[in-house]
Each structure stands twice: as structure tokens, then as C-alpha cells.
Amino acid sequence: MKSLLACPSPTPPASDRHAAILRRIRRGVTAALAVLFGGGLLNHWIGQYWRIGVDLQGEARCLPWLVWAVKVGAPATLARDSYVAVIPAGEFGMGVDAFIRNNPTPSFIIKQVAGLPGDAIVVIDNEARMGGQEYGALTLTTMGKVPVAPGGYDRVEIVPPGRVALAGTLPRAYDSRYWGTAGQNEVVGVAYPIF
């Protein structure tokens, strides 16, 4: 009686083994191309519409969050208290304009929408209100960080059509309380705080 274990397994002909190897190679190459091109296209698509922003200003930050997701593209409408990414075309001063002009890739400034057309920016005795909300003291004037003495920014300004008032919520924020309104055409995306 023959043992089943002693029976040799049939060996496929060499042509069948080569065909199986070629099928595995084709599947591997197809999978690799799918990952490379699919991942590349996904990355390209995501990169067209989303950016990650990191605020490295330390104590000079304007908003409490450090990392932001920015959906690129001008929003259809602007809502008060939403966060937007702006590439300013105006004269903000304090080195902001030079940094933006000299940077090979555009830098966003992320701010909170504080006032829409028709809203008032009121600065009296170094205290500010925008869009009916308190934004507190202009601390940069009392710290000597801007070239204007306390009270030098006092004014009542109505946000004109096509413009928006932008704010930071931290004490050292440099925003519309100092430099006035920004054009709605300068808003290039909507920002979402991550952490």
C-alpha cells in the first residue's frame, strides 16, 4: 500500500508557471500605478481646494488656534464670526505687506469676520467695537508696537459695500481696529480651526 504523503505533487508545466508569474507582476504593477496615480490625483485635488495653515507667531498670534484647515476659494457669502483666509492687497504695515510681497508662495492671514457692509467700526478712547461686538482695548498702542499714540485710531467708520471688517480675538491682534476694512475680493478662503 502506498502512502499518500509519499506521492509527489504534480508540477505544472513551465509555461503555466511563467504565465502565473507574469499575472502576478501585472497585478503588482497595476496596483502600484493605481496607488501612485490615484494618490497623486487625490493629493492634487485636495491641494487645489484645501491648505493647512500653522500660526507660528507665538505671543503675537491674533486667534487662539495654532493649526487651521483652509478651504481655498472665495466664499459665496460672508457671515459674521466666521473665519476667513485673506491675502491682503492693501497696506497693513508692521512688516506684513513686505512679508507677503517677498514670499514666493502667498501667505494667508486668518481673521474672524467682525463686520459686514453697513456695520460700524467704532474706536473711542482706545476701545473698539465692530459690528456691535466689543473687541476691547487697542493694546498695541499702549505697548508702543504701532507708530500711533493711544487715541490716534479713534474714529467711527461704516463698512462700505464690497468691504469687510476683520478681527483677531487675542489682545495683541492687529486687525481692522487699526487698519480699517479689507476688500471682500481679498478673502480667498474659509478657515476652520483644528487645534
N, C-alpha and C. Protein backbone atom coordinates (compact mmCIF):
# COMPACT_ATOMS: atom_id res chain seq x y z
N MET A 1 0.85 -1.17 0.00
CA MET A 1 0.00 0.00 0.00
C MET A 1 0.90 1.22 0.00
N LYS A 2 0.53 2.16 -0.82
CA LYS A 2 1.32 3.39 -0.96
C LYS A 2 0.84 4.43 0.03
N SER A 3 1.78 5.16 0.57
CA SER A 3 1.45 6.27 1.47
C SER A 3 1.07 7.49 0.64
N LEU A 4 0.03 8.16 1.08
CA LEU A 4 -0.38 9.38 0.37
C LEU A 4 0.66 10.48 0.51
N LEU A 5 1.37 10.47 1.60
CA LEU A 5 2.37 11.51 1.80
C LEU A 5 3.56 11.34 0.86
N ALA A 6 3.78 10.16 0.45
CA ALA A 6 4.92 9.90 -0.42
C ALA A 6 4.64 10.26 -1.87
N CYS A 7 3.39 10.52 -2.17
CA CYS A 7 3.04 10.84 -3.57
C CYS A 7 3.55 12.22 -3.93
N PRO A 8 4.29 12.34 -4.95
CA PRO A 8 4.74 13.66 -5.37
C PRO A 8 3.58 14.44 -5.95
N SER A 9 3.56 15.77 -5.68
CA SER A 9 2.51 16.60 -6.26
C SER A 9 2.85 16.88 -7.72
N PRO A 10 1.82 16.96 -8.53
CA PRO A 10 2.11 17.21 -9.94
C PRO A 10 2.67 18.61 -10.12
N THR A 11 3.69 18.76 -10.89
CA THR A 11 4.31 20.04 -11.16
C THR A 11 3.73 20.60 -12.44
N PRO A 12 3.23 21.88 -12.38
CA PRO A 12 2.68 22.43 -13.62
C PRO A 12 3.80 22.62 -14.64
N PRO A 13 3.45 22.58 -15.88
CA PRO A 13 4.46 22.81 -16.90
C PRO A 13 5.07 24.20 -16.76
N ALA A 14 6.26 24.37 -17.28
CA ALA A 14 6.98 25.64 -17.16
C ALA A 14 6.20 26.79 -17.75
N SER A 15 5.48 26.59 -18.82
CA SER A 15 4.73 27.68 -19.45
C SER A 15 3.63 28.19 -18.52
N ASP A 16 2.97 27.28 -17.76
CA ASP A 16 1.94 27.71 -16.81
C ASP A 16 2.55 28.51 -15.65
N ARG A 17 3.73 28.08 -15.18
CA ARG A 17 4.41 28.81 -14.10
C ARG A 17 4.79 30.21 -14.56
N HIS A 18 5.29 30.32 -15.78
CA HIS A 18 5.66 31.64 -16.32
C HIS A 18 4.43 32.54 -16.47
N ALA A 19 3.35 31.97 -16.91
CA ALA A 19 2.10 32.74 -17.06
C ALA A 19 1.62 33.25 -15.71
N ALA A 20 1.71 32.39 -14.67
CA ALA A 20 1.28 32.80 -13.33
C ALA A 20 2.18 33.92 -12.79
N ILE A 21 3.47 33.80 -13.03
CA ILE A 21 4.41 34.85 -12.59
C ILE A 21 4.10 36.16 -13.31
N LEU A 22 3.85 36.09 -14.61
CA LEU A 22 3.52 37.31 -15.37
C LEU A 22 2.23 37.95 -14.86
N ARG A 23 1.22 37.10 -14.54
CA ARG A 23 -0.04 37.65 -14.00
C ARG A 23 0.21 38.38 -12.68
N ARG A 24 1.03 37.81 -11.80
CA ARG A 24 1.35 38.46 -10.53
C ARG A 24 2.09 39.77 -10.75
N ILE A 25 3.02 39.79 -11.67
CA ILE A 25 3.77 41.02 -11.97
C ILE A 25 2.82 42.08 -12.51
N ARG A 26 1.95 41.69 -13.44
CA ARG A 26 0.98 42.67 -13.99
C ARG A 26 0.08 43.23 -12.89
N ARG A 27 -0.42 42.37 -12.01
CA ARG A 27 -1.27 42.83 -10.91
C ARG A 27 -0.51 43.78 -10.00
N GLY A 28 0.74 43.44 -9.69
CA GLY A 28 1.55 44.30 -8.82
C GLY A 28 1.83 45.65 -9.45
N VAL A 29 2.17 45.65 -10.74
CA VAL A 29 2.43 46.92 -11.45
C VAL A 29 1.14 47.73 -11.53
N THR A 30 0.03 47.08 -11.83
CA THR A 30 -1.26 47.79 -11.90
C THR A 30 -1.61 48.41 -10.54
N ALA A 31 -1.42 47.65 -9.48
CA ALA A 31 -1.70 48.18 -8.14
C ALA A 31 -0.78 49.34 -7.80
N ALA A 32 0.50 49.22 -8.12
CA ALA A 32 1.44 50.30 -7.85
C ALA A 32 1.07 51.56 -8.62
N LEU A 33 0.72 51.40 -9.90
CA LEU A 33 0.32 52.57 -10.70
C LEU A 33 -0.96 53.19 -10.16
N ALA A 34 -1.90 52.34 -9.73
CA ALA A 34 -3.15 52.87 -9.16
C ALA A 34 -2.87 53.69 -7.91
N VAL A 35 -1.99 53.19 -7.06
CA VAL A 35 -1.65 53.93 -5.84
C VAL A 35 -0.93 55.22 -6.19
N LEU A 36 0.05 55.16 -7.08
CA LEU A 36 0.81 56.35 -7.43
C LEU A 36 -0.06 57.40 -8.10
N PHE A 37 -0.78 57.00 -9.17
CA PHE A 37 -1.58 57.97 -9.89
C PHE A 37 -2.83 58.35 -9.12
N GLY A 38 -3.49 57.38 -8.50
CA GLY A 38 -4.67 57.68 -7.70
C GLY A 38 -4.34 58.58 -6.53
N GLY A 39 -3.26 58.23 -5.82
CA GLY A 39 -2.82 59.07 -4.69
C GLY A 39 -2.38 60.43 -5.16
N GLY A 40 -1.67 60.47 -6.29
CA GLY A 40 -1.22 61.75 -6.83
C GLY A 40 -2.39 62.63 -7.25
N LEU A 41 -3.38 62.02 -7.90
CA LEU A 41 -4.56 62.80 -8.30
C LEU A 41 -5.34 63.27 -7.09
N LEU A 42 -5.48 62.38 -6.09
CA LEU A 42 -6.17 62.78 -4.86
C LEU A 42 -5.42 63.91 -4.18
N ASN A 43 -4.12 63.79 -4.08
CA ASN A 43 -3.31 64.84 -3.49
C ASN A 43 -3.44 66.14 -4.29
N HIS A 44 -3.42 66.03 -5.61
CA HIS A 44 -3.58 67.22 -6.46
C HIS A 44 -4.95 67.86 -6.22
N TRP A 45 -5.99 67.02 -6.17
CA TRP A 45 -7.34 67.55 -5.96
C TRP A 45 -7.45 68.21 -4.59
N ILE A 46 -6.96 67.52 -3.55
CA ILE A 46 -7.03 68.10 -2.20
C ILE A 46 -6.21 69.38 -2.15
N GLY A 47 -5.01 69.38 -2.75
CA GLY A 47 -4.15 70.55 -2.75
C GLY A 47 -4.75 71.74 -3.47
N GLN A 48 -5.63 71.49 -4.44
CA GLN A 48 -6.30 72.60 -5.12
C GLN A 48 -7.32 73.28 -4.24
N TYR A 49 -7.93 72.52 -3.34
CA TYR A 49 -9.06 73.05 -2.58
C TYR A 49 -8.80 73.25 -1.09
N TRP A 50 -7.78 72.65 -0.55
CA TRP A 50 -7.52 72.74 0.88
C TRP A 50 -6.05 73.04 1.15
N ARG A 51 -5.80 73.79 2.19
CA ARG A 51 -4.44 74.06 2.67
C ARG A 51 -4.46 73.90 4.19
N ILE A 52 -3.33 73.57 4.73
CA ILE A 52 -3.17 73.55 6.19
C ILE A 52 -2.32 74.76 6.54
N GLY A 53 -2.79 75.55 7.48
CA GLY A 53 -2.05 76.72 7.94
C GLY A 53 -1.59 76.54 9.37
N VAL A 54 -0.38 76.96 9.65
CA VAL A 54 0.16 76.90 11.01
C VAL A 54 0.58 78.31 11.40
N ASP A 55 0.08 78.78 12.52
CA ASP A 55 0.40 80.12 13.01
C ASP A 55 1.59 80.03 13.95
N LEU A 56 2.72 80.54 13.51
CA LEU A 56 3.96 80.46 14.28
C LEU A 56 4.34 81.78 14.93
N GLN A 57 3.36 82.65 15.16
CA GLN A 57 3.67 83.97 15.70
C GLN A 57 3.88 84.00 17.20
N GLY A 58 3.66 82.90 17.88
CA GLY A 58 3.86 82.88 19.33
C GLY A 58 2.90 83.81 20.05
N GLU A 59 3.45 84.67 20.91
CA GLU A 59 2.61 85.58 21.70
C GLU A 59 1.90 86.61 20.85
N ALA A 60 2.34 86.83 19.63
CA ALA A 60 1.73 87.85 18.77
C ALA A 60 0.55 87.30 17.97
N ARG A 61 0.13 86.06 18.24
CA ARG A 61 -1.00 85.47 17.50
C ARG A 61 -2.24 86.32 17.68
N CYS A 62 -3.10 86.27 16.65
CA CYS A 62 -4.35 87.02 16.68
C CYS A 62 -5.54 86.18 17.13
N LEU A 63 -5.44 84.87 16.92
CA LEU A 63 -6.52 83.96 17.26
C LEU A 63 -5.94 82.82 18.11
N PRO A 64 -6.75 82.17 18.94
CA PRO A 64 -6.21 81.20 19.88
C PRO A 64 -5.75 79.88 19.27
N TRP A 65 -6.07 79.59 18.02
CA TRP A 65 -5.73 78.30 17.44
C TRP A 65 -4.40 78.36 16.72
N LEU A 66 -3.71 77.25 16.74
CA LEU A 66 -2.39 77.15 16.14
C LEU A 66 -2.43 76.57 14.72
N VAL A 67 -3.31 75.59 14.49
CA VAL A 67 -3.38 74.91 13.20
C VAL A 67 -4.77 75.10 12.61
N TRP A 68 -4.80 75.39 11.30
CA TRP A 68 -6.04 75.69 10.59
C TRP A 68 -6.13 74.86 9.32
N ALA A 69 -7.36 74.50 8.95
CA ALA A 69 -7.64 73.95 7.62
C ALA A 69 -8.30 75.10 6.85
N VAL A 70 -7.79 75.36 5.66
CA VAL A 70 -8.33 76.46 4.85
C VAL A 70 -8.92 75.89 3.57
N LYS A 71 -10.21 76.08 3.37
CA LYS A 71 -10.86 75.69 2.12
C LYS A 71 -10.65 76.85 1.15
N VAL A 72 -9.85 76.60 0.12
CA VAL A 72 -9.46 77.66 -0.81
C VAL A 72 -10.62 77.96 -1.75
N GLY A 73 -10.84 79.25 -1.98
CA GLY A 73 -11.89 79.72 -2.87
C GLY A 73 -12.74 80.75 -2.15
N ALA A 74 -13.04 81.82 -2.83
CA ALA A 74 -13.84 82.88 -2.22
C ALA A 74 -15.22 82.33 -1.85
N PRO A 75 -15.65 82.55 -0.61
CA PRO A 75 -16.97 82.06 -0.21
C PRO A 75 -18.07 82.84 -0.93
N ALA A 76 -19.19 82.18 -1.19
CA ALA A 76 -20.32 82.83 -1.86
C ALA A 76 -20.87 83.97 -1.00
N THR A 77 -20.91 83.75 0.31
CA THR A 77 -21.36 84.79 1.23
C THR A 77 -20.42 84.79 2.44
N LEU A 78 -20.35 85.92 3.09
CA LEU A 78 -19.57 86.04 4.31
C LEU A 78 -20.52 86.15 5.49
N ALA A 79 -20.19 85.47 6.56
CA ALA A 79 -21.02 85.52 7.76
C ALA A 79 -20.20 86.07 8.91
N ARG A 80 -20.81 86.92 9.71
CA ARG A 80 -20.16 87.46 10.88
C ARG A 80 -19.74 86.31 11.80
N ASP A 81 -18.59 86.42 12.41
CA ASP A 81 -17.99 85.46 13.33
C ASP A 81 -17.40 84.22 12.64
N SER A 82 -17.50 84.13 11.31
CA SER A 82 -16.82 83.03 10.62
C SER A 82 -15.35 83.40 10.48
N TYR A 83 -14.53 82.43 10.16
CA TYR A 83 -13.10 82.66 9.99
C TYR A 83 -12.76 82.59 8.51
N VAL A 84 -11.96 83.53 8.06
CA VAL A 84 -11.61 83.60 6.65
C VAL A 84 -10.10 83.73 6.48
N ALA A 85 -9.64 83.29 5.32
CA ALA A 85 -8.25 83.47 4.93
C ALA A 85 -8.22 84.63 3.96
N VAL A 86 -7.28 85.54 4.19
CA VAL A 86 -7.18 86.76 3.40
C VAL A 86 -5.75 86.87 2.87
N ILE A 87 -5.64 87.25 1.61
CA ILE A 87 -4.34 87.67 1.08
C ILE A 87 -4.50 89.16 0.80
N PRO A 88 -3.99 90.00 1.69
CA PRO A 88 -4.26 91.43 1.59
C PRO A 88 -3.56 92.07 0.40
N ALA A 89 -4.28 92.98 -0.22
CA ALA A 89 -3.71 93.77 -1.31
C ALA A 89 -3.44 95.18 -0.83
N GLY A 90 -3.91 95.52 0.36
CA GLY A 90 -3.76 96.88 0.88
C GLY A 90 -2.47 97.07 1.63
N GLU A 91 -2.39 98.15 2.36
CA GLU A 91 -1.20 98.48 3.14
C GLU A 91 -1.50 98.25 4.61
N PHE A 92 -1.08 97.12 5.13
CA PHE A 92 -1.31 96.80 6.53
C PHE A 92 -0.19 97.29 7.43
N GLY A 93 1.00 97.46 6.89
CA GLY A 93 2.12 97.94 7.69
C GLY A 93 2.68 96.86 8.60
N MET A 94 3.51 97.27 9.56
CA MET A 94 4.14 96.40 10.55
C MET A 94 4.85 95.21 9.91
N GLY A 95 5.37 95.35 8.68
CA GLY A 95 6.11 94.28 8.03
C GLY A 95 5.25 93.24 7.36
N VAL A 96 3.92 93.30 7.54
CA VAL A 96 3.03 92.30 6.96
C VAL A 96 3.09 92.36 5.44
N ASP A 97 3.01 93.57 4.87
CA ASP A 97 2.99 93.72 3.41
C ASP A 97 4.28 93.23 2.79
N ALA A 98 5.42 93.60 3.35
CA ALA A 98 6.71 93.17 2.81
C ALA A 98 6.84 91.66 2.88
N PHE A 99 6.39 91.06 3.97
CA PHE A 99 6.46 89.60 4.10
C PHE A 99 5.64 88.94 3.00
N ILE A 100 4.44 89.44 2.77
CA ILE A 100 3.57 88.83 1.76
C ILE A 100 4.14 89.04 0.36
N ARG A 101 4.61 90.25 0.06
CA ARG A 101 5.15 90.52 -1.28
C ARG A 101 6.42 89.72 -1.55
N ASN A 102 7.26 89.50 -0.55
CA ASN A 102 8.54 88.82 -0.74
C ASN A 102 8.46 87.31 -0.62
N ASN A 103 7.31 86.78 -0.23
CA ASN A 103 7.16 85.34 -0.07
C ASN A 103 6.77 84.74 -1.41
N PRO A 104 7.51 83.73 -1.91
CA PRO A 104 7.19 83.16 -3.22
C PRO A 104 5.84 82.46 -3.28
N THR A 105 5.35 81.94 -2.16
CA THR A 105 4.00 81.38 -2.13
C THR A 105 3.14 82.29 -1.28
N PRO A 106 1.94 82.61 -1.75
CA PRO A 106 1.09 83.54 -1.00
C PRO A 106 0.83 83.06 0.42
N SER A 107 0.90 83.97 1.36
CA SER A 107 0.61 83.65 2.75
C SER A 107 -0.77 84.17 3.11
N PHE A 108 -1.49 83.34 3.82
CA PHE A 108 -2.81 83.74 4.29
C PHE A 108 -2.67 84.47 5.61
N ILE A 109 -3.56 85.39 5.81
CA ILE A 109 -3.79 85.96 7.13
C ILE A 109 -5.18 85.49 7.52
N ILE A 110 -5.30 84.82 8.65
CA ILE A 110 -6.60 84.29 9.05
C ILE A 110 -7.17 85.20 10.13
N LYS A 111 -8.40 85.64 9.88
CA LYS A 111 -9.10 86.54 10.81
C LYS A 111 -10.56 86.11 10.93
N GLN A 112 -11.20 86.66 11.94
CA GLN A 112 -12.63 86.46 12.15
C GLN A 112 -13.37 87.62 11.49
N VAL A 113 -14.47 87.31 10.81
CA VAL A 113 -15.29 88.37 10.21
C VAL A 113 -15.99 89.09 11.35
N ALA A 114 -15.71 90.40 11.50
CA ALA A 114 -16.26 91.18 12.60
C ALA A 114 -17.32 92.17 12.14
N GLY A 115 -17.30 92.52 10.87
CA GLY A 115 -18.26 93.49 10.38
C GLY A 115 -18.49 93.33 8.89
N LEU A 116 -19.74 93.47 8.51
CA LEU A 116 -20.15 93.37 7.11
C LEU A 116 -20.58 94.75 6.61
N PRO A 117 -20.78 94.91 5.32
CA PRO A 117 -21.20 96.23 4.82
C PRO A 117 -22.39 96.80 5.60
N GLY A 118 -22.24 98.05 6.00
CA GLY A 118 -23.26 98.73 6.80
C GLY A 118 -22.98 98.71 8.29
N ASP A 119 -22.13 97.80 8.76
CA ASP A 119 -21.76 97.74 10.18
C ASP A 119 -20.78 98.86 10.51
N ALA A 120 -20.70 99.20 11.78
CA ALA A 120 -19.81 100.28 12.21
C ALA A 120 -18.56 99.72 12.90
N ILE A 121 -17.45 100.37 12.64
CA ILE A 121 -16.22 100.18 13.42
C ILE A 121 -16.11 101.44 14.26
N VAL A 122 -16.20 101.28 15.57
CA VAL A 122 -16.17 102.42 16.48
C VAL A 122 -14.97 102.25 17.41
N VAL A 123 -14.05 103.20 17.34
CA VAL A 123 -12.91 103.21 18.25
C VAL A 123 -12.93 104.54 18.98
N ILE A 124 -13.14 104.49 20.29
CA ILE A 124 -13.19 105.69 21.12
C ILE A 124 -12.38 105.44 22.38
N ASP A 125 -11.48 106.37 22.68
CA ASP A 125 -10.61 106.25 23.85
C ASP A 125 -9.90 104.89 23.89
N ASN A 126 -9.42 104.46 22.73
CA ASN A 126 -8.62 103.24 22.61
C ASN A 126 -9.43 101.96 22.84
N GLU A 127 -10.75 102.03 22.87
CA GLU A 127 -11.62 100.85 23.00
C GLU A 127 -12.38 100.68 21.69
N ALA A 128 -12.54 99.43 21.24
CA ALA A 128 -13.12 99.17 19.92
C ALA A 128 -14.37 98.30 19.98
N ARG A 129 -15.29 98.63 19.09
CA ARG A 129 -16.47 97.82 18.80
C ARG A 129 -16.54 97.67 17.29
N MET A 130 -16.83 96.46 16.83
CA MET A 130 -17.03 96.23 15.39
C MET A 130 -18.25 95.36 15.21
N GLY A 131 -19.13 95.79 14.33
CA GLY A 131 -20.35 95.03 14.09
C GLY A 131 -21.18 94.86 15.35
N GLY A 132 -21.12 95.82 16.27
CA GLY A 132 -21.89 95.76 17.50
C GLY A 132 -21.28 94.92 18.61
N GLN A 133 -20.12 94.35 18.37
CA GLN A 133 -19.47 93.49 19.38
C GLN A 133 -18.23 94.17 19.92
N GLU A 134 -18.01 94.03 21.24
CA GLU A 134 -16.82 94.59 21.89
C GLU A 134 -15.58 93.81 21.48
N TYR A 135 -14.54 94.53 21.09
CA TYR A 135 -13.25 93.91 20.80
C TYR A 135 -12.15 94.42 21.71
N GLY A 136 -12.50 95.25 22.67
CA GLY A 136 -11.56 95.63 23.71
C GLY A 136 -10.58 96.71 23.31
N ALA A 137 -9.57 96.85 24.17
CA ALA A 137 -8.58 97.91 24.03
C ALA A 137 -7.61 97.63 22.89
N LEU A 138 -7.11 98.70 22.31
CA LEU A 138 -6.07 98.60 21.30
C LEU A 138 -4.74 98.50 22.03
N THR A 139 -4.38 97.31 22.45
CA THR A 139 -3.20 97.12 23.29
C THR A 139 -1.90 97.41 22.57
N LEU A 140 -1.89 97.32 21.25
CA LEU A 140 -0.64 97.59 20.53
C LEU A 140 -0.22 99.05 20.66
N THR A 141 -1.19 99.95 20.83
CA THR A 141 -0.82 101.37 21.01
C THR A 141 -0.21 101.59 22.39
N THR A 142 -0.77 100.97 23.41
CA THR A 142 -0.23 101.16 24.75
C THR A 142 1.10 100.44 24.93
N MET A 143 1.36 99.41 24.11
CA MET A 143 2.63 98.69 24.17
C MET A 143 3.70 99.34 23.30
N GLY A 144 3.31 100.36 22.55
CA GLY A 144 4.27 101.02 21.67
C GLY A 144 4.64 100.19 20.45
N LYS A 145 3.79 99.24 20.04
CA LYS A 145 4.08 98.38 18.90
C LYS A 145 3.64 98.99 17.57
N VAL A 146 2.87 100.03 17.60
CA VAL A 146 2.47 100.74 16.38
C VAL A 146 2.88 102.20 16.53
N PRO A 147 3.13 102.88 15.41
CA PRO A 147 3.64 104.25 15.48
C PRO A 147 2.59 105.33 15.75
N VAL A 148 1.48 104.96 16.34
CA VAL A 148 0.41 105.91 16.63
C VAL A 148 0.15 105.90 18.13
N ALA A 149 0.02 107.07 18.70
CA ALA A 149 -0.22 107.19 20.14
C ALA A 149 -1.63 106.73 20.48
N PRO A 150 -1.86 106.30 21.73
CA PRO A 150 -3.21 105.95 22.15
C PRO A 150 -4.18 107.08 21.81
N GLY A 151 -5.33 106.69 21.25
CA GLY A 151 -6.33 107.66 20.82
C GLY A 151 -6.16 108.03 19.35
N GLY A 152 -5.04 107.72 18.76
CA GLY A 152 -4.79 108.06 17.37
C GLY A 152 -5.62 107.28 16.36
N TYR A 153 -6.21 106.18 16.79
CA TYR A 153 -7.06 105.38 15.90
C TYR A 153 -8.54 105.65 16.14
N ASP A 154 -8.86 106.59 17.05
CA ASP A 154 -10.26 106.88 17.35
C ASP A 154 -10.99 107.31 16.08
N ARG A 155 -12.16 106.70 15.85
CA ARG A 155 -12.95 107.02 14.67
C ARG A 155 -14.27 106.25 14.73
N VAL A 156 -15.19 106.67 13.89
CA VAL A 156 -16.40 105.90 13.59
C VAL A 156 -16.38 105.71 12.09
N GLU A 157 -16.36 104.45 11.67
CA GLU A 157 -16.25 104.12 10.25
C GLU A 157 -17.34 103.10 9.91
N ILE A 158 -18.06 103.35 8.84
CA ILE A 158 -19.07 102.40 8.38
C ILE A 158 -18.43 101.52 7.31
N VAL A 159 -18.59 100.21 7.45
CA VAL A 159 -18.02 99.28 6.46
C VAL A 159 -18.75 99.49 5.14
N PRO A 160 -18.03 99.91 4.09
CA PRO A 160 -18.69 100.18 2.81
C PRO A 160 -19.01 98.89 2.04
N PRO A 161 -19.86 98.97 1.03
CA PRO A 161 -20.16 97.80 0.19
C PRO A 161 -18.86 97.23 -0.40
N GLY A 162 -18.80 95.91 -0.46
CA GLY A 162 -17.63 95.26 -1.02
C GLY A 162 -16.44 95.15 -0.08
N ARG A 163 -16.63 95.58 1.16
CA ARG A 163 -15.55 95.55 2.16
C ARG A 163 -16.03 94.74 3.37
N VAL A 164 -15.08 94.40 4.25
CA VAL A 164 -15.39 93.63 5.44
C VAL A 164 -14.43 94.04 6.54
N ALA A 165 -14.92 94.04 7.79
CA ALA A 165 -14.05 94.29 8.95
C ALA A 165 -13.59 92.94 9.48
N LEU A 166 -12.30 92.84 9.75
CA LEU A 166 -11.70 91.58 10.21
C LEU A 166 -11.07 91.78 11.58
N ALA A 167 -11.14 90.74 12.41
CA ALA A 167 -10.64 90.87 13.78
C ALA A 167 -9.91 89.63 14.23
N GLY A 168 -9.03 89.85 15.20
CA GLY A 168 -8.45 88.78 15.99
C GLY A 168 -9.09 88.86 17.35
N THR A 169 -9.07 87.78 18.08
CA THR A 169 -9.73 87.78 19.39
C THR A 169 -8.75 87.84 20.55
N LEU A 170 -7.46 87.74 20.27
CA LEU A 170 -6.46 87.82 21.33
C LEU A 170 -6.00 89.27 21.49
N PRO A 171 -5.49 89.64 22.66
CA PRO A 171 -5.17 91.04 22.95
C PRO A 171 -4.20 91.71 21.97
N ARG A 172 -3.25 90.97 21.41
CA ARG A 172 -2.25 91.61 20.54
C ARG A 172 -2.64 91.55 19.06
N ALA A 173 -3.89 91.28 18.76
CA ALA A 173 -4.33 91.16 17.37
C ALA A 173 -4.17 92.49 16.64
N TYR A 174 -3.65 92.40 15.43
CA TYR A 174 -3.51 93.55 14.54
C TYR A 174 -4.56 93.37 13.46
N ASP A 175 -5.61 94.20 13.50
CA ASP A 175 -6.78 93.94 12.67
C ASP A 175 -7.45 95.23 12.25
N SER A 176 -8.73 95.14 11.87
CA SER A 176 -9.46 96.30 11.35
C SER A 176 -9.58 97.44 12.34
N ARG A 177 -9.37 97.18 13.62
CA ARG A 177 -9.37 98.28 14.60
C ARG A 177 -8.26 99.26 14.28
N TYR A 178 -7.18 98.75 13.70
CA TYR A 178 -6.02 99.57 13.36
C TYR A 178 -6.03 100.00 11.90
N TRP A 179 -6.21 99.04 10.97
CA TRP A 179 -6.02 99.36 9.56
C TRP A 179 -7.29 99.48 8.75
N GLY A 180 -8.45 99.43 9.37
CA GLY A 180 -9.69 99.62 8.63
C GLY A 180 -10.16 98.34 7.96
N THR A 181 -10.91 98.51 6.88
CA THR A 181 -11.55 97.37 6.24
C THR A 181 -10.67 96.73 5.18
N ALA A 182 -11.04 95.52 4.80
CA ALA A 182 -10.38 94.81 3.70
C ALA A 182 -11.43 94.55 2.63
N GLY A 183 -10.96 94.44 1.39
CA GLY A 183 -11.88 94.15 0.30
C GLY A 183 -12.38 92.71 0.37
N GLN A 184 -13.65 92.50 0.08
CA GLN A 184 -14.18 91.13 0.06
C GLN A 184 -13.46 90.30 -1.00
N ASN A 185 -12.91 90.95 -2.03
CA ASN A 185 -12.16 90.23 -3.05
C ASN A 185 -10.81 89.74 -2.53
N GLU A 186 -10.38 90.21 -1.37
CA GLU A 186 -9.14 89.75 -0.76
C GLU A 186 -9.36 88.48 0.08
N VAL A 187 -10.61 88.13 0.32
CA VAL A 187 -10.94 86.91 1.05
C VAL A 187 -10.81 85.75 0.06
N VAL A 188 -9.86 84.86 0.33
CA VAL A 188 -9.55 83.79 -0.62
C VAL A 188 -9.91 82.39 -0.11
N GLY A 189 -10.54 82.32 1.06
CA GLY A 189 -10.93 81.03 1.57
C GLY A 189 -11.63 81.12 2.91
N VAL A 190 -12.18 80.01 3.33
CA VAL A 190 -12.80 79.89 4.63
C VAL A 190 -11.89 79.04 5.51
N ALA A 191 -11.66 79.48 6.74
CA ALA A 191 -10.72 78.81 7.63
C ALA A 191 -11.48 78.10 8.76
N TYR A 192 -10.97 76.92 9.11
CA TYR A 192 -11.56 76.12 10.18
C TYR A 192 -10.47 75.77 11.18
N PRO A 193 -10.65 76.15 12.46
CA PRO A 193 -9.61 75.82 13.45
C PRO A 193 -9.55 74.32 13.70
N ILE A 194 -8.34 73.80 13.77
CA ILE A 194 -8.15 72.38 14.08
C ILE A 194 -7.77 72.24 15.55
N PHE A 195 -6.70 72.93 15.97
CA PHE A 195 -6.33 72.99 17.38
C PHE A 195 -5.39 74.13 17.61
